[in-house]
Amino acid sequence: MHLSEIEQRIVVSESGCWEWNGAHIPSGYGSVRYNGKNRVVHKLMYELRIGKVPNGLQLDHLCRNRGCCNPAHLEPVSQRVNLIRGDGFSGKNARKDRCPNGHEYDLVNKHGWRDCSVCKRAKRRRHYEAHSIATKPQASKRTHCPQGHEYSAENTYVYPRTGYRKCITCRDMQKRTFDSHRRAMLLGGERE
């Protein structure tokens, strides 16, 4: 198909969109055979009127009309920007500024996902409450640790958030064992 034939299949709408009045691919973009190759019409018209699309960029329809091939309605952008501007799930979620409970997103986690500090704090609180000693009465009835040391005021550390008890005697013994193993590893490594 020649350029003059392509232009005859374009209908200009009131919004300024150049509606393609020919074949469309399943995603909604106009399709045409030009110089022996199947091409999407919007990209072809952009290349004919403005120039080649820079490497690594895609054409974004500013009018949000996939059937439009008006080069003035197209902008070369990265794939990420194109997705964020779009009407798909990723674009809709990227534009959200509040969590499902209505709190403002004010944190970014280690994966780069947005988080809400209010909901995160509430989730942490629920976790600690579910695992605290108050919810496990059988644990609070114990008078001695598994090694037989008494849970007295001087020998017991209570974790403030969870309410778990730890035997200080056992903790000190674990620390001494760990330190002696570490010292032996360091001394053994220096001899070689």
Protein backbone atom coordinates (compact mmCIF):
# COMPACT_ATOMS: atom_id res chain seq x y z
CA MET A 1 0.00 0.00 0.00
CA HIS A 2 1.30 3.50 -0.84
CA LEU A 3 1.21 6.57 1.38
CA SER A 4 -1.67 8.12 -0.57
CA GLU A 5 -3.77 4.97 -0.07
CA ILE A 6 -2.96 4.97 3.65
CA GLU A 7 -4.01 8.61 4.00
CA GLN A 8 -7.35 7.84 2.29
CA ARG A 9 -8.17 5.37 5.09
CA ILE A 10 -7.67 7.97 7.83
CA VAL A 11 -10.75 9.76 9.20
CA VAL A 12 -10.14 12.91 11.27
CA SER A 13 -12.45 13.08 14.29
CA GLU A 14 -13.62 16.13 16.25
CA SER A 15 -11.07 15.39 18.99
CA GLY A 16 -8.24 15.68 16.46
CA CYS A 17 -7.57 11.95 16.38
CA TRP A 18 -6.75 10.41 13.02
CA GLU A 19 -8.90 7.28 13.19
CA TRP A 20 -7.58 4.35 11.15
CA ASN A 21 -10.39 2.97 9.04
CA GLY A 22 -8.62 -0.25 8.05
CA ALA A 23 -7.49 -3.50 9.64
CA HIS A 24 -6.68 -3.65 13.36
CA ILE A 25 -4.60 -6.13 15.34
CA PRO A 26 -6.25 -7.75 18.41
CA SER A 27 -4.74 -5.18 20.80
CA GLY A 28 -6.65 -2.40 18.98
CA TYR A 29 -3.84 -0.77 16.99
CA GLY A 30 -4.32 -0.13 13.27
CA SER A 31 -2.38 -2.45 10.95
CA VAL A 32 -1.22 -1.99 7.35
CA ARG A 33 1.14 -3.64 4.87
CA TYR A 34 3.71 -1.06 3.76
CA ASN A 35 6.76 -1.80 1.56
CA GLY A 36 6.19 -5.54 1.92
CA LYS A 37 6.02 -5.51 5.74
CA ASN A 38 3.12 -5.56 8.20
CA ARG A 39 3.31 -2.40 10.30
CA VAL A 40 1.27 -0.71 13.01
CA VAL A 41 -0.17 2.46 11.48
CA HIS A 42 0.60 4.86 14.33
CA LYS A 43 4.31 3.98 14.29
CA LEU A 44 4.45 4.17 10.49
CA MET A 45 2.80 7.62 10.43
CA TYR A 46 5.13 8.85 13.18
CA GLU A 47 8.17 7.68 11.21
CA LEU A 48 6.91 9.20 7.96
CA ARG A 49 5.94 12.58 9.47
CA ILE A 50 8.38 13.09 12.36
CA GLY A 51 11.20 10.54 12.22
CA LYS A 52 12.42 7.26 13.62
CA VAL A 53 11.43 6.29 17.16
CA PRO A 54 14.58 6.39 19.33
CA ASN A 55 15.97 3.00 20.41
CA GLY A 56 14.55 1.70 23.68
CA LEU A 57 11.46 3.93 23.50
CA GLN A 58 7.82 3.24 22.63
CA LEU A 59 5.13 5.52 21.26
CA ASP A 60 2.57 6.52 23.86
CA HIS A 61 -0.87 7.62 22.67
CA LEU A 62 -1.46 10.84 24.61
CA CYS A 63 -5.11 10.73 23.51
CA ARG A 64 -5.45 7.17 24.96
CA ASN A 65 -7.02 6.07 21.61
CA ARG A 66 -5.19 3.05 20.17
CA GLY A 67 -6.86 3.51 16.79
CA CYS A 68 -5.40 7.04 16.43
CA CYS A 69 -2.40 7.55 14.13
CA ASN A 70 -2.00 11.33 14.48
CA PRO A 71 1.76 11.93 15.07
CA ALA A 72 0.89 14.97 17.23
CA HIS A 73 -0.88 12.59 19.65
CA LEU A 74 2.17 10.32 19.99
CA GLU A 75 5.15 10.72 22.30
CA PRO A 76 8.24 8.48 22.49
CA VAL A 77 8.63 7.30 26.10
CA SER A 78 10.17 4.37 27.99
CA GLN A 79 8.14 1.20 28.48
CA ARG A 80 7.81 1.98 32.21
CA VAL A 81 6.34 5.44 31.56
CA ASN A 82 4.02 4.00 28.89
CA LEU A 83 2.71 1.37 31.33
CA ILE A 84 2.25 3.86 34.17
CA ARG A 85 0.29 6.24 31.95
CA GLY A 86 -1.89 3.43 30.61
CA ASP A 87 -5.26 2.12 31.74
CA GLY A 88 -3.99 -1.37 32.65
CA PHE A 89 -3.54 -2.73 36.18
CA SER A 90 0.05 -1.49 36.50
CA GLY A 91 -0.87 2.03 35.44
CA LYS A 92 -3.88 2.22 37.74
CA ASN A 93 -1.89 0.89 40.70
CA ALA A 94 1.05 3.23 40.03
CA ARG A 95 -1.26 6.25 40.18
CA LYS A 96 -2.76 5.25 43.54
CA ASP A 97 -1.54 7.38 46.42
CA ARG A 98 -3.44 5.62 49.20
CA CYS A 99 -3.50 2.08 50.61
CA PRO A 100 -6.71 0.00 50.49
CA ASN A 101 -7.56 1.32 54.00
CA GLY A 102 -7.32 4.94 52.84
CA HIS A 103 -3.96 5.85 54.43
CA GLU A 104 -1.34 7.70 52.40
CA TYR A 105 1.57 5.63 51.03
CA ASP A 106 4.58 7.00 52.91
CA LEU A 107 7.12 4.13 52.83
CA VAL A 108 9.00 2.16 50.18
CA ASN A 109 10.02 -1.37 51.14
CA LYS A 110 13.19 -3.23 50.11
CA HIS A 111 11.51 -4.48 46.91
CA GLY A 112 10.61 -0.94 45.82
CA TRP A 113 6.91 -1.39 46.61
CA ARG A 114 5.02 1.35 48.38
CA ASP A 115 3.77 0.78 51.90
CA CYS A 116 1.59 2.51 54.45
CA SER A 117 3.24 3.01 57.85
CA VAL A 118 -0.12 3.00 59.70
CA CYS A 119 -1.17 -0.41 58.32
CA LYS A 120 2.35 -1.81 58.70
CA ARG A 121 2.44 -0.78 62.38
CA ALA A 122 -1.03 -2.30 62.96
CA LYS A 123 0.02 -5.55 61.29
CA ARG A 124 3.14 -5.73 63.45
CA ARG A 125 1.05 -5.04 66.57
CA ARG A 126 -1.41 -7.83 65.65
CA HIS A 127 1.52 -10.22 65.12
CA TYR A 128 3.06 -9.41 68.52
CA GLU A 129 -0.30 -9.73 70.26
CA ALA A 130 -0.92 -13.10 68.62
CA HIS A 131 2.47 -14.38 69.72
CA SER A 132 2.66 -12.76 73.15
CA ILE A 133 2.71 -14.67 76.37
CA ALA A 134 -0.74 -13.30 77.20
CA THR A 135 -2.25 -15.50 74.48
CA LYS A 136 -0.35 -18.58 75.73
CA PRO A 137 -1.40 -19.16 79.33
CA GLN A 138 0.44 -22.49 79.53
CA ALA A 139 3.75 -20.64 78.94
CA SER A 140 3.06 -18.13 81.72
CA LYS A 141 2.48 -20.99 84.22
CA ARG A 142 6.00 -22.36 83.82
CA THR A 143 8.25 -21.63 86.77
CA HIS A 144 11.51 -22.95 85.28
CA CYS A 145 13.23 -22.73 81.89
CA PRO A 146 13.74 -25.93 79.82
CA GLN A 147 17.25 -26.32 81.39
CA GLY A 148 15.81 -26.16 84.92
CA HIS A 149 16.72 -22.58 85.96
CA GLU A 150 14.06 -20.74 87.92
CA TYR A 151 12.18 -17.85 86.32
CA SER A 152 12.87 -15.39 89.13
CA ALA A 153 12.92 -11.61 88.90
CA GLU A 154 16.75 -11.59 88.81
CA ASN A 155 17.05 -14.46 86.31
CA THR A 156 14.35 -13.52 83.78
CA TYR A 157 14.37 -11.11 80.87
CA VAL A 158 10.92 -10.26 79.43
CA TYR A 159 10.86 -9.00 75.83
CA PRO A 160 8.81 -5.77 75.89
CA ARG A 161 6.99 -6.24 72.61
CA THR A 162 6.14 -9.91 72.79
CA GLY A 163 6.12 -10.70 76.47
CA TYR A 164 8.36 -13.74 75.92
CA ARG A 165 10.57 -14.70 78.86
CA LYS A 166 14.19 -15.68 78.54
CA CYS A 167 16.39 -17.23 81.21
CA ILE A 168 19.39 -14.94 81.83
CA THR A 169 21.59 -17.84 83.00
CA CYS A 170 20.95 -19.74 79.73
CA ARG A 171 21.51 -16.57 77.72
CA ASP A 172 24.89 -15.96 79.40
CA MET A 173 25.96 -19.58 78.85
CA GLN A 174 25.02 -19.36 75.14
CA LYS A 175 27.02 -16.15 74.81
CA ARG A 176 30.12 -17.67 76.49
CA THR A 177 29.90 -20.75 74.24
CA PHE A 178 29.53 -18.60 71.14
CA ASP A 179 32.45 -16.36 72.17
CA SER A 180 34.75 -19.32 72.89
CA HIS A 181 33.92 -20.92 69.52
CA ARG A 182 34.54 -17.64 67.76
CA ARG A 183 37.84 -17.10 69.59
CA ALA A 184 38.94 -20.64 68.65
CA MET A 185 38.06 -20.02 65.00
CA LEU A 186 40.00 -16.74 64.97
CA LEU A 187 43.06 -18.26 66.68
CA GLY A 188 42.90 -21.30 64.45
CA GLY A 189 42.76 -19.08 61.36
CA GLU A 190 45.82 -17.03 62.45
CA ARG A 191 48.05 -20.11 62.84
CA GLU A 192 47.69 -21.11 59.18
